[in-house]
């Protein structure tokens, strides 16, 4: 779990993780959900398929006149996210990143089905980007899977993931 407070830079840290892991020769798959701001206002979130480096709108804020609106998911964004987290698409990866595993997933919606399938069907390390206040609930949900909690904001967290990947590769007889 890559953790941090809401809007604290978890997605930026996950993107940096993906880039640094790639620079070490590892293959990365999964999904990032960067915030979209216009004139300093949060107006939505994108969906980035990390493996294909493809981005599309995932969530937009639907606003009523003078009121704060609710979030509305785009069908294209959901489709891209499901494809990015599909076990067959991620099977050639050394690391899978899921940004973000949050309240929707804890309620059985969002990317929950895809994450459950990934965890059950692969031994590839999966990084779940999780809000700090949800850490315990996510840990309890996946208590049957080995896990490590890392603070997304700490640079050393990236180094720890790289060490885990190296150990995983060696442990599976995949070292060069």
N, C-alpha and C. Protein backbone atom coordinates (compact mmCIF):
# COMPACT_ATOMS: atom_id res chain seq x y z
N UNK A 1 0.85 -1.19 0.00
CA UNK A 1 0.00 0.00 0.00
C UNK A 1 0.89 1.24 0.00
N UNK A 2 0.58 2.14 -0.90
CA UNK A 2 1.23 3.44 -1.01
C UNK A 2 0.24 4.42 -0.41
N UNK A 3 0.53 4.98 0.75
CA UNK A 3 -0.48 5.75 1.47
C UNK A 3 -0.13 7.22 1.65
N UNK A 4 -1.16 7.99 1.91
CA UNK A 4 -1.00 9.42 2.20
C UNK A 4 -2.37 10.04 2.39
N UNK A 5 -2.36 11.29 2.87
CA UNK A 5 -3.63 11.99 3.08
C UNK A 5 -4.27 12.33 1.73
N UNK A 6 -5.55 12.63 1.77
CA UNK A 6 -6.30 13.04 0.58
C UNK A 6 -5.65 14.28 -0.03
N UNK A 7 -5.44 14.25 -1.34
CA UNK A 7 -4.83 15.36 -2.11
C UNK A 7 -3.42 15.71 -1.61
N UNK A 8 -2.68 14.69 -1.16
CA UNK A 8 -1.32 14.95 -0.65
C UNK A 8 -0.22 14.63 -1.65
N UNK A 9 -0.60 14.22 -2.86
CA UNK A 9 0.42 13.89 -3.86
C UNK A 9 0.65 12.41 -4.06
N UNK A 10 -0.30 11.58 -3.65
CA UNK A 10 -0.14 10.13 -3.80
C UNK A 10 -0.02 9.73 -5.27
N UNK A 11 -0.85 10.33 -6.12
CA UNK A 11 -0.81 9.99 -7.55
C UNK A 11 0.50 10.44 -8.16
N UNK A 12 0.95 11.63 -7.80
CA UNK A 12 2.24 12.12 -8.30
C UNK A 12 3.36 11.17 -7.87
N UNK A 13 3.31 10.72 -6.63
CA UNK A 13 4.32 9.78 -6.13
C UNK A 13 4.22 8.43 -6.86
N UNK A 14 3.00 7.97 -7.14
CA UNK A 14 2.82 6.71 -7.87
C UNK A 14 3.34 6.83 -9.29
N UNK A 15 3.14 7.99 -9.91
CA UNK A 15 3.68 8.24 -11.25
C UNK A 15 5.21 8.23 -11.20
N UNK A 16 5.79 8.88 -10.20
CA UNK A 16 7.25 8.88 -10.03
C UNK A 16 7.76 7.46 -9.79
N UNK A 17 7.01 6.69 -9.01
CA UNK A 17 7.36 5.29 -8.77
C UNK A 17 7.42 4.53 -10.10
N UNK A 18 6.37 4.68 -10.91
CA UNK A 18 6.32 3.98 -12.20
C UNK A 18 7.52 4.35 -13.08
N UNK A 19 7.84 5.63 -13.13
CA UNK A 19 8.97 6.09 -13.96
C UNK A 19 10.30 5.54 -13.45
N UNK A 20 10.51 5.58 -12.15
CA UNK A 20 11.78 5.11 -11.60
C UNK A 20 11.92 3.60 -11.72
N UNK A 21 10.82 2.89 -11.52
CA UNK A 21 10.85 1.43 -11.67
C UNK A 21 11.18 1.07 -13.12
N UNK A 22 10.57 1.78 -14.05
CA UNK A 22 10.88 1.56 -15.48
C UNK A 22 12.34 1.84 -15.78
N UNK A 23 12.89 2.91 -15.19
CA UNK A 23 14.29 3.27 -15.44
C UNK A 23 15.25 2.19 -14.94
N UNK A 24 14.78 1.33 -14.04
CA UNK A 24 15.59 0.22 -13.52
C UNK A 24 15.39 -1.05 -14.35
N UNK A 25 14.62 -0.94 -15.44
CA UNK A 25 14.43 -2.08 -16.33
C UNK A 25 13.23 -2.95 -16.05
N UNK A 26 12.37 -2.54 -15.12
CA UNK A 26 11.17 -3.30 -14.81
C UNK A 26 10.01 -2.81 -15.67
N UNK A 27 9.06 -3.70 -15.94
CA UNK A 27 7.86 -3.35 -16.71
C UNK A 27 6.73 -3.04 -15.73
N UNK A 28 6.03 -1.95 -16.02
CA UNK A 28 4.97 -1.48 -15.12
C UNK A 28 3.65 -1.43 -15.87
N UNK A 29 2.59 -1.86 -15.20
CA UNK A 29 1.23 -1.78 -15.76
C UNK A 29 0.32 -1.22 -14.67
N UNK A 30 -0.92 -0.98 -15.04
CA UNK A 30 -1.89 -0.51 -14.07
C UNK A 30 -2.50 0.81 -14.45
N UNK A 31 -2.93 1.54 -13.43
CA UNK A 31 -3.75 2.73 -13.65
C UNK A 31 -3.36 3.85 -12.69
N UNK A 32 -3.28 5.05 -13.24
CA UNK A 32 -3.13 6.27 -12.43
C UNK A 32 -4.39 7.10 -12.64
N UNK A 33 -4.77 7.86 -11.61
CA UNK A 33 -5.95 8.73 -11.71
C UNK A 33 -5.58 10.15 -11.28
N UNK A 34 -4.88 10.88 -12.17
CA UNK A 34 -4.45 12.23 -11.80
C UNK A 34 -5.62 13.21 -11.73
N UNK A 35 -5.53 14.13 -10.77
CA UNK A 35 -6.54 15.17 -10.62
C UNK A 35 -6.44 16.14 -11.79
N UNK A 36 -7.58 16.68 -12.19
CA UNK A 36 -7.64 17.68 -13.26
C UNK A 36 -8.15 18.98 -12.65
N UNK A 37 -7.35 20.02 -12.78
CA UNK A 37 -7.70 21.32 -12.23
C UNK A 37 -7.87 22.33 -13.37
N UNK A 38 -8.84 23.21 -13.24
CA UNK A 38 -9.01 24.35 -14.14
C UNK A 38 -9.13 25.58 -13.26
N UNK A 39 -8.27 26.55 -13.52
CA UNK A 39 -8.24 27.79 -12.73
C UNK A 39 -8.17 27.49 -11.23
N UNK A 40 -7.36 26.50 -10.87
CA UNK A 40 -7.17 26.17 -9.46
C UNK A 40 -8.29 25.38 -8.83
N UNK A 41 -9.31 25.03 -9.59
CA UNK A 41 -10.45 24.25 -9.06
C UNK A 41 -10.38 22.81 -9.57
N UNK A 42 -10.60 21.88 -8.65
CA UNK A 42 -10.64 20.47 -9.01
C UNK A 42 -11.91 20.22 -9.81
N UNK A 43 -11.76 19.77 -11.06
CA UNK A 43 -12.92 19.55 -11.92
C UNK A 43 -13.08 18.10 -12.36
N UNK A 44 -12.12 17.27 -12.02
CA UNK A 44 -12.24 15.88 -12.43
C UNK A 44 -10.97 15.10 -12.18
N UNK A 45 -10.97 13.88 -12.71
CA UNK A 45 -9.82 13.00 -12.63
C UNK A 45 -9.65 12.31 -13.97
N UNK A 46 -8.42 12.08 -14.35
CA UNK A 46 -8.15 11.33 -15.56
C UNK A 46 -7.92 9.87 -15.23
N UNK A 47 -7.83 9.06 -16.27
CA UNK A 47 -7.44 7.66 -16.14
C UNK A 47 -6.26 7.45 -17.08
N UNK A 48 -5.14 7.00 -16.54
CA UNK A 48 -3.95 6.77 -17.35
C UNK A 48 -3.61 5.29 -17.30
N UNK A 49 -3.64 4.65 -18.45
CA UNK A 49 -3.18 3.26 -18.58
C UNK A 49 -1.65 3.34 -18.61
N UNK A 50 -1.00 2.92 -17.54
CA UNK A 50 0.44 3.08 -17.40
C UNK A 50 1.20 2.32 -18.48
N UNK A 51 0.79 1.11 -18.77
CA UNK A 51 1.51 0.28 -19.75
C UNK A 51 1.48 0.89 -21.14
N UNK A 52 0.31 1.38 -21.54
CA UNK A 52 0.16 1.94 -22.89
C UNK A 52 0.36 3.46 -22.93
N UNK A 53 0.53 4.08 -21.76
CA UNK A 53 0.69 5.53 -21.65
C UNK A 53 -0.44 6.26 -22.38
N UNK A 54 -1.65 5.80 -22.12
CA UNK A 54 -2.84 6.38 -22.74
C UNK A 54 -3.68 7.02 -21.65
N UNK A 55 -4.16 8.26 -21.88
CA UNK A 55 -4.95 8.97 -20.88
C UNK A 55 -6.29 9.42 -21.46
N UNK A 56 -7.30 9.37 -20.59
CA UNK A 56 -8.66 9.78 -20.97
C UNK A 56 -9.34 10.30 -19.70
N UNK A 57 -10.41 11.07 -19.84
CA UNK A 57 -11.17 11.53 -18.67
C UNK A 57 -11.83 10.34 -17.99
N UNK A 58 -11.73 10.30 -16.67
CA UNK A 58 -12.38 9.25 -15.89
C UNK A 58 -13.60 9.78 -15.15
N UNK A 59 -13.42 10.91 -14.48
CA UNK A 59 -14.48 11.48 -13.66
C UNK A 59 -14.55 12.98 -13.90
N UNK A 60 -15.75 13.48 -14.09
CA UNK A 60 -15.96 14.92 -14.23
C UNK A 60 -16.96 15.36 -13.18
N UNK A 61 -16.84 16.61 -12.79
CA UNK A 61 -17.79 17.15 -11.82
C UNK A 61 -18.97 17.73 -12.60
N UNK A 62 -20.15 17.20 -12.31
CA UNK A 62 -21.38 17.73 -12.91
C UNK A 62 -21.91 18.78 -11.95
N UNK A 63 -22.00 20.00 -12.43
CA UNK A 63 -22.40 21.07 -11.51
C UNK A 63 -23.77 21.61 -11.85
N UNK A 64 -24.51 21.86 -10.80
CA UNK A 64 -25.79 22.56 -10.94
C UNK A 64 -25.48 24.03 -10.71
N UNK A 65 -26.27 24.91 -11.25
CA UNK A 65 -26.01 26.33 -11.15
C UNK A 65 -25.81 26.76 -9.70
N UNK A 66 -24.63 27.33 -9.43
CA UNK A 66 -24.34 27.86 -8.11
C UNK A 66 -24.09 26.82 -7.04
N UNK A 67 -24.12 25.55 -7.39
CA UNK A 67 -23.92 24.49 -6.41
C UNK A 67 -22.74 23.63 -6.80
N UNK A 68 -22.18 23.00 -5.81
CA UNK A 68 -21.14 22.01 -6.08
C UNK A 68 -21.81 20.75 -6.58
N UNK A 69 -21.35 20.24 -7.67
CA UNK A 69 -21.98 19.05 -8.24
C UNK A 69 -21.40 17.76 -7.73
N UNK A 70 -21.94 16.68 -8.20
CA UNK A 70 -21.42 15.37 -7.82
C UNK A 70 -20.52 14.85 -8.94
N UNK A 71 -19.73 13.87 -8.62
CA UNK A 71 -18.81 13.30 -9.59
C UNK A 71 -19.57 12.35 -10.51
N UNK A 72 -19.20 12.37 -11.77
CA UNK A 72 -19.84 11.51 -12.77
C UNK A 72 -18.74 10.79 -13.56
N UNK A 73 -18.77 9.47 -13.55
CA UNK A 73 -17.77 8.68 -14.26
C UNK A 73 -18.09 8.63 -15.74
N UNK A 74 -17.03 8.63 -16.56
CA UNK A 74 -17.23 8.49 -18.01
C UNK A 74 -17.11 7.01 -18.36
N UNK A 75 -17.91 6.57 -19.29
CA UNK A 75 -17.86 5.17 -19.72
C UNK A 75 -16.50 4.84 -20.33
N UNK A 76 -15.95 5.79 -21.11
CA UNK A 76 -14.64 5.56 -21.75
C UNK A 76 -13.54 5.43 -20.69
N UNK A 77 -13.61 6.23 -19.63
CA UNK A 77 -12.62 6.15 -18.56
C UNK A 77 -12.70 4.84 -17.81
N UNK A 78 -13.92 4.39 -17.53
CA UNK A 78 -14.10 3.10 -16.86
C UNK A 78 -13.59 1.96 -17.71
N UNK A 79 -13.85 2.02 -19.00
CA UNK A 79 -13.40 0.99 -19.94
C UNK A 79 -11.86 0.93 -19.97
N UNK A 80 -11.22 2.10 -20.04
CA UNK A 80 -9.76 2.15 -20.06
C UNK A 80 -9.20 1.58 -18.76
N UNK A 81 -9.80 1.94 -17.62
CA UNK A 81 -9.34 1.44 -16.33
C UNK A 81 -9.47 -0.06 -16.22
N UNK A 82 -10.60 -0.59 -16.65
CA UNK A 82 -10.79 -2.06 -16.60
C UNK A 82 -9.76 -2.77 -17.47
N UNK A 83 -9.50 -2.21 -18.65
CA UNK A 83 -8.51 -2.81 -19.56
C UNK A 83 -7.11 -2.75 -18.95
N UNK A 84 -6.77 -1.63 -18.32
CA UNK A 84 -5.43 -1.46 -17.73
C UNK A 84 -5.22 -2.41 -16.56
N UNK A 85 -6.29 -2.77 -15.86
CA UNK A 85 -6.18 -3.64 -14.68
C UNK A 85 -6.54 -5.09 -14.97
N UNK A 86 -6.80 -5.40 -16.22
CA UNK A 86 -7.12 -6.76 -16.62
C UNK A 86 -5.90 -7.65 -16.43
N UNK A 87 -6.04 -8.81 -15.78
CA UNK A 87 -4.88 -9.67 -15.55
C UNK A 87 -4.10 -10.02 -16.82
N UNK A 88 -4.77 -10.18 -17.94
CA UNK A 88 -4.02 -10.51 -19.16
C UNK A 88 -3.18 -9.33 -19.64
N UNK A 89 -3.68 -8.12 -19.46
CA UNK A 89 -2.91 -6.93 -19.85
C UNK A 89 -1.74 -6.71 -18.91
N UNK A 90 -1.91 -7.08 -17.66
CA UNK A 90 -0.88 -6.86 -16.66
C UNK A 90 0.08 -8.04 -16.52
N UNK A 91 -0.20 -9.14 -17.21
CA UNK A 91 0.58 -10.37 -17.01
C UNK A 91 2.05 -10.24 -17.40
N UNK A 92 2.39 -9.33 -18.29
CA UNK A 92 3.78 -9.18 -18.69
C UNK A 92 4.51 -8.15 -17.83
N UNK A 93 3.84 -7.63 -16.81
CA UNK A 93 4.44 -6.60 -15.96
C UNK A 93 5.20 -7.21 -14.78
N UNK A 94 6.12 -6.42 -14.25
CA UNK A 94 6.82 -6.77 -13.02
C UNK A 94 6.17 -6.11 -11.81
N UNK A 95 5.37 -5.05 -12.08
CA UNK A 95 4.70 -4.28 -11.04
C UNK A 95 3.38 -3.76 -11.59
N UNK A 96 2.34 -3.81 -10.76
CA UNK A 96 1.04 -3.27 -11.14
C UNK A 96 0.68 -2.20 -10.11
N UNK A 97 0.29 -1.03 -10.61
CA UNK A 97 -0.10 0.08 -9.73
C UNK A 97 -1.60 0.33 -9.91
N UNK A 98 -2.31 0.47 -8.79
CA UNK A 98 -3.74 0.77 -8.82
C UNK A 98 -3.97 2.06 -8.04
N UNK A 99 -4.26 3.12 -8.77
CA UNK A 99 -4.50 4.44 -8.18
C UNK A 99 -5.92 4.86 -8.50
N UNK A 100 -6.77 4.91 -7.62
CA UNK A 100 -6.61 4.73 -6.21
C UNK A 100 -7.59 3.66 -5.77
N UNK A 101 -7.28 2.99 -4.70
CA UNK A 101 -8.19 2.03 -4.09
C UNK A 101 -8.81 2.76 -2.91
N UNK A 102 -10.09 3.15 -3.06
CA UNK A 102 -10.71 4.02 -2.08
C UNK A 102 -12.08 3.56 -1.63
N UNK A 103 -12.91 4.53 -1.24
CA UNK A 103 -14.24 4.19 -0.71
C UNK A 103 -15.11 3.37 -1.67
N UNK A 104 -15.04 3.68 -2.96
CA UNK A 104 -15.84 2.90 -3.92
C UNK A 104 -15.44 1.43 -3.89
N UNK A 105 -14.14 1.18 -3.89
CA UNK A 105 -13.65 -0.19 -3.91
C UNK A 105 -13.99 -0.91 -2.60
N UNK A 106 -13.89 -0.21 -1.50
CA UNK A 106 -14.25 -0.83 -0.22
C UNK A 106 -15.73 -1.18 -0.17
N UNK A 107 -16.55 -0.48 -0.96
CA UNK A 107 -17.99 -0.79 -1.06
C UNK A 107 -18.27 -1.81 -2.16
N UNK A 108 -17.22 -2.38 -2.76
CA UNK A 108 -17.40 -3.40 -3.79
C UNK A 108 -17.58 -2.85 -5.19
N UNK A 109 -17.38 -1.55 -5.36
CA UNK A 109 -17.55 -0.93 -6.68
C UNK A 109 -16.19 -0.47 -7.20
N UNK A 110 -16.19 0.43 -8.18
CA UNK A 110 -14.94 0.96 -8.72
C UNK A 110 -14.08 -0.15 -9.30
N UNK A 111 -12.82 -0.21 -8.88
CA UNK A 111 -11.87 -1.20 -9.42
C UNK A 111 -11.80 -2.46 -8.56
N UNK A 112 -12.74 -2.65 -7.66
CA UNK A 112 -12.68 -3.76 -6.71
C UNK A 112 -12.59 -5.12 -7.41
N UNK A 113 -13.47 -5.35 -8.37
CA UNK A 113 -13.49 -6.64 -9.07
C UNK A 113 -12.14 -6.90 -9.75
N UNK A 114 -11.61 -5.88 -10.39
CA UNK A 114 -10.33 -6.02 -11.09
C UNK A 114 -9.19 -6.30 -10.11
N UNK A 115 -9.18 -5.59 -8.98
CA UNK A 115 -8.11 -5.79 -7.98
C UNK A 115 -8.23 -7.19 -7.37
N UNK A 116 -9.43 -7.61 -7.02
CA UNK A 116 -9.60 -8.95 -6.48
C UNK A 116 -9.08 -10.01 -7.45
N UNK A 117 -9.41 -9.86 -8.71
CA UNK A 117 -8.96 -10.80 -9.73
C UNK A 117 -7.45 -10.77 -9.91
N UNK A 118 -6.87 -9.57 -9.91
CA UNK A 118 -5.42 -9.46 -10.02
C UNK A 118 -4.72 -10.17 -8.86
N UNK A 119 -5.16 -9.88 -7.66
CA UNK A 119 -4.52 -10.47 -6.49
C UNK A 119 -4.66 -11.99 -6.47
N UNK A 120 -5.80 -12.49 -6.93
CA UNK A 120 -6.04 -13.94 -6.92
C UNK A 120 -5.33 -14.66 -8.06
N UNK A 121 -5.01 -13.96 -9.13
CA UNK A 121 -4.51 -14.64 -10.33
C UNK A 121 -3.03 -14.41 -10.62
N UNK A 122 -2.35 -13.60 -9.83
CA UNK A 122 -0.95 -13.34 -10.13
C UNK A 122 -0.15 -13.19 -8.85
N UNK A 123 1.14 -13.43 -8.95
CA UNK A 123 2.01 -13.16 -7.80
C UNK A 123 2.85 -11.91 -8.06
N UNK A 124 2.50 -11.17 -9.10
CA UNK A 124 3.18 -9.92 -9.40
C UNK A 124 2.86 -8.92 -8.29
N UNK A 125 3.87 -8.20 -7.79
CA UNK A 125 3.57 -7.19 -6.76
C UNK A 125 2.58 -6.13 -7.28
N UNK A 126 1.61 -5.82 -6.43
CA UNK A 126 0.58 -4.83 -6.74
C UNK A 126 0.68 -3.71 -5.71
N UNK A 127 0.80 -2.48 -6.20
CA UNK A 127 0.80 -1.31 -5.32
C UNK A 127 -0.59 -0.70 -5.35
N UNK A 128 -1.26 -0.71 -4.21
CA UNK A 128 -2.55 -0.05 -4.08
C UNK A 128 -2.30 1.32 -3.48
N UNK A 129 -2.74 2.37 -4.17
CA UNK A 129 -2.64 3.73 -3.66
C UNK A 129 -3.89 3.96 -2.81
N UNK A 130 -3.67 4.25 -1.52
CA UNK A 130 -4.76 4.26 -0.54
C UNK A 130 -4.66 5.51 0.33
N UNK A 131 -5.80 6.14 0.58
CA UNK A 131 -5.84 7.26 1.53
C UNK A 131 -5.49 6.75 2.92
N UNK A 132 -4.77 7.56 3.65
CA UNK A 132 -4.32 7.19 4.98
C UNK A 132 -5.46 6.71 5.88
N UNK A 133 -6.60 7.38 5.82
CA UNK A 133 -7.70 7.01 6.72
C UNK A 133 -8.37 5.69 6.35
N UNK A 134 -8.02 5.13 5.19
CA UNK A 134 -8.61 3.86 4.75
C UNK A 134 -7.65 2.67 4.87
N UNK A 135 -6.42 2.95 5.29
CA UNK A 135 -5.38 1.90 5.36
C UNK A 135 -5.84 0.65 6.08
N UNK A 136 -6.36 0.81 7.29
CA UNK A 136 -6.73 -0.34 8.10
C UNK A 136 -7.83 -1.17 7.44
N UNK A 137 -8.81 -0.49 6.84
CA UNK A 137 -9.90 -1.22 6.19
C UNK A 137 -9.38 -2.01 4.99
N UNK A 138 -8.47 -1.44 4.22
CA UNK A 138 -7.91 -2.14 3.06
C UNK A 138 -7.05 -3.30 3.52
N UNK A 139 -6.26 -3.06 4.57
CA UNK A 139 -5.43 -4.14 5.11
C UNK A 139 -6.28 -5.31 5.60
N UNK A 140 -7.37 -5.01 6.27
CA UNK A 140 -8.26 -6.06 6.77
C UNK A 140 -8.91 -6.81 5.61
N UNK A 141 -9.33 -6.07 4.57
CA UNK A 141 -9.94 -6.69 3.40
C UNK A 141 -9.01 -7.70 2.74
N UNK A 142 -7.74 -7.36 2.65
CA UNK A 142 -6.77 -8.21 1.97
C UNK A 142 -5.77 -8.84 2.95
N UNK A 143 -6.26 -9.19 4.14
CA UNK A 143 -5.37 -9.72 5.18
C UNK A 143 -4.72 -11.05 4.80
N UNK A 144 -5.26 -11.75 3.83
CA UNK A 144 -4.67 -13.03 3.41
C UNK A 144 -3.53 -12.86 2.41
N UNK A 145 -3.23 -11.62 2.04
CA UNK A 145 -2.14 -11.35 1.11
C UNK A 145 -1.03 -10.61 1.87
N UNK A 146 0.22 -10.99 1.62
CA UNK A 146 1.31 -10.27 2.29
C UNK A 146 1.30 -8.81 1.84
N UNK A 147 1.55 -7.90 2.78
CA UNK A 147 1.52 -6.49 2.40
C UNK A 147 2.55 -5.69 3.18
N UNK A 148 2.88 -4.54 2.60
CA UNK A 148 3.78 -3.58 3.20
C UNK A 148 3.15 -2.21 3.04
N UNK A 149 3.14 -1.43 4.12
CA UNK A 149 2.62 -0.06 4.05
C UNK A 149 3.79 0.88 3.83
N UNK A 150 3.67 1.75 2.81
CA UNK A 150 4.71 2.72 2.52
C UNK A 150 4.08 4.10 2.37
N UNK A 151 4.73 5.11 2.94
CA UNK A 151 4.26 6.48 2.80
C UNK A 151 4.62 6.98 1.41
N UNK A 152 3.61 7.34 0.63
CA UNK A 152 3.84 7.77 -0.75
C UNK A 152 4.78 8.97 -0.84
N UNK A 153 4.74 9.84 0.14
CA UNK A 153 5.53 11.08 0.09
C UNK A 153 7.02 10.85 0.36
N UNK A 154 7.37 9.71 0.90
CA UNK A 154 8.78 9.47 1.25
C UNK A 154 9.53 8.88 0.06
N UNK A 155 10.64 9.50 -0.30
CA UNK A 155 11.46 9.04 -1.42
C UNK A 155 11.93 7.61 -1.20
N UNK A 156 12.22 7.26 0.05
CA UNK A 156 12.70 5.91 0.34
C UNK A 156 11.66 4.84 0.01
N UNK A 157 10.38 5.21 -0.04
CA UNK A 157 9.33 4.25 -0.38
C UNK A 157 9.54 3.68 -1.78
N UNK A 158 9.97 4.52 -2.70
CA UNK A 158 10.25 4.05 -4.06
C UNK A 158 11.39 3.05 -4.04
N UNK A 159 12.44 3.36 -3.28
CA UNK A 159 13.58 2.44 -3.18
C UNK A 159 13.16 1.10 -2.58
N UNK A 160 12.24 1.14 -1.60
CA UNK A 160 11.75 -0.10 -1.00
C UNK A 160 10.99 -0.94 -2.02
N UNK A 161 10.17 -0.30 -2.87
CA UNK A 161 9.44 -1.03 -3.91
C UNK A 161 10.44 -1.66 -4.89
N UNK A 162 11.46 -0.93 -5.26
CA UNK A 162 12.48 -1.46 -6.18
C UNK A 162 13.17 -2.67 -5.55
N UNK A 163 13.48 -2.60 -4.25
CA UNK A 163 14.08 -3.76 -3.57
C UNK A 163 13.13 -4.95 -3.57
N UNK A 164 11.85 -4.70 -3.33
CA UNK A 164 10.86 -5.77 -3.36
C UNK A 164 10.81 -6.41 -4.75
N UNK A 165 10.85 -5.59 -5.78
CA UNK A 165 10.82 -6.13 -7.15
C UNK A 165 12.05 -6.97 -7.45
N UNK A 166 13.21 -6.51 -7.00
CA UNK A 166 14.44 -7.28 -7.22
C UNK A 166 14.37 -8.61 -6.49
N UNK A 167 13.89 -8.58 -5.24
CA UNK A 167 13.76 -9.82 -4.47
C UNK A 167 12.75 -10.76 -5.12
N UNK A 168 11.66 -10.20 -5.63
CA UNK A 168 10.63 -11.01 -6.29
C UNK A 168 11.21 -11.68 -7.54
N UNK A 169 11.98 -10.93 -8.30
CA UNK A 169 12.58 -11.46 -9.52
C UNK A 169 13.55 -12.58 -9.19
N UNK A 170 14.39 -12.36 -8.18
CA UNK A 170 15.37 -13.39 -7.77
C UNK A 170 14.63 -14.61 -7.21
N UNK A 171 13.63 -14.37 -6.37
CA UNK A 171 12.86 -15.45 -5.75
C UNK A 171 12.13 -16.31 -6.76
N UNK A 172 11.83 -15.76 -7.92
CA UNK A 172 11.16 -16.51 -8.97
C UNK A 172 12.13 -16.99 -10.04
N UNK A 173 13.44 -16.91 -9.75
CA UNK A 173 14.44 -17.37 -10.70
C UNK A 173 14.49 -16.58 -11.98
N UNK A 174 14.17 -15.30 -11.91
CA UNK A 174 14.10 -14.48 -13.12
C UNK A 174 15.27 -13.51 -13.24
N UNK A 175 16.29 -13.68 -12.38
CA UNK A 175 17.43 -12.76 -12.49
C UNK A 175 18.24 -13.07 -13.74
N UNK A 176 18.90 -12.04 -14.25
CA UNK A 176 19.61 -12.17 -15.53
C UNK A 176 20.86 -12.98 -15.43
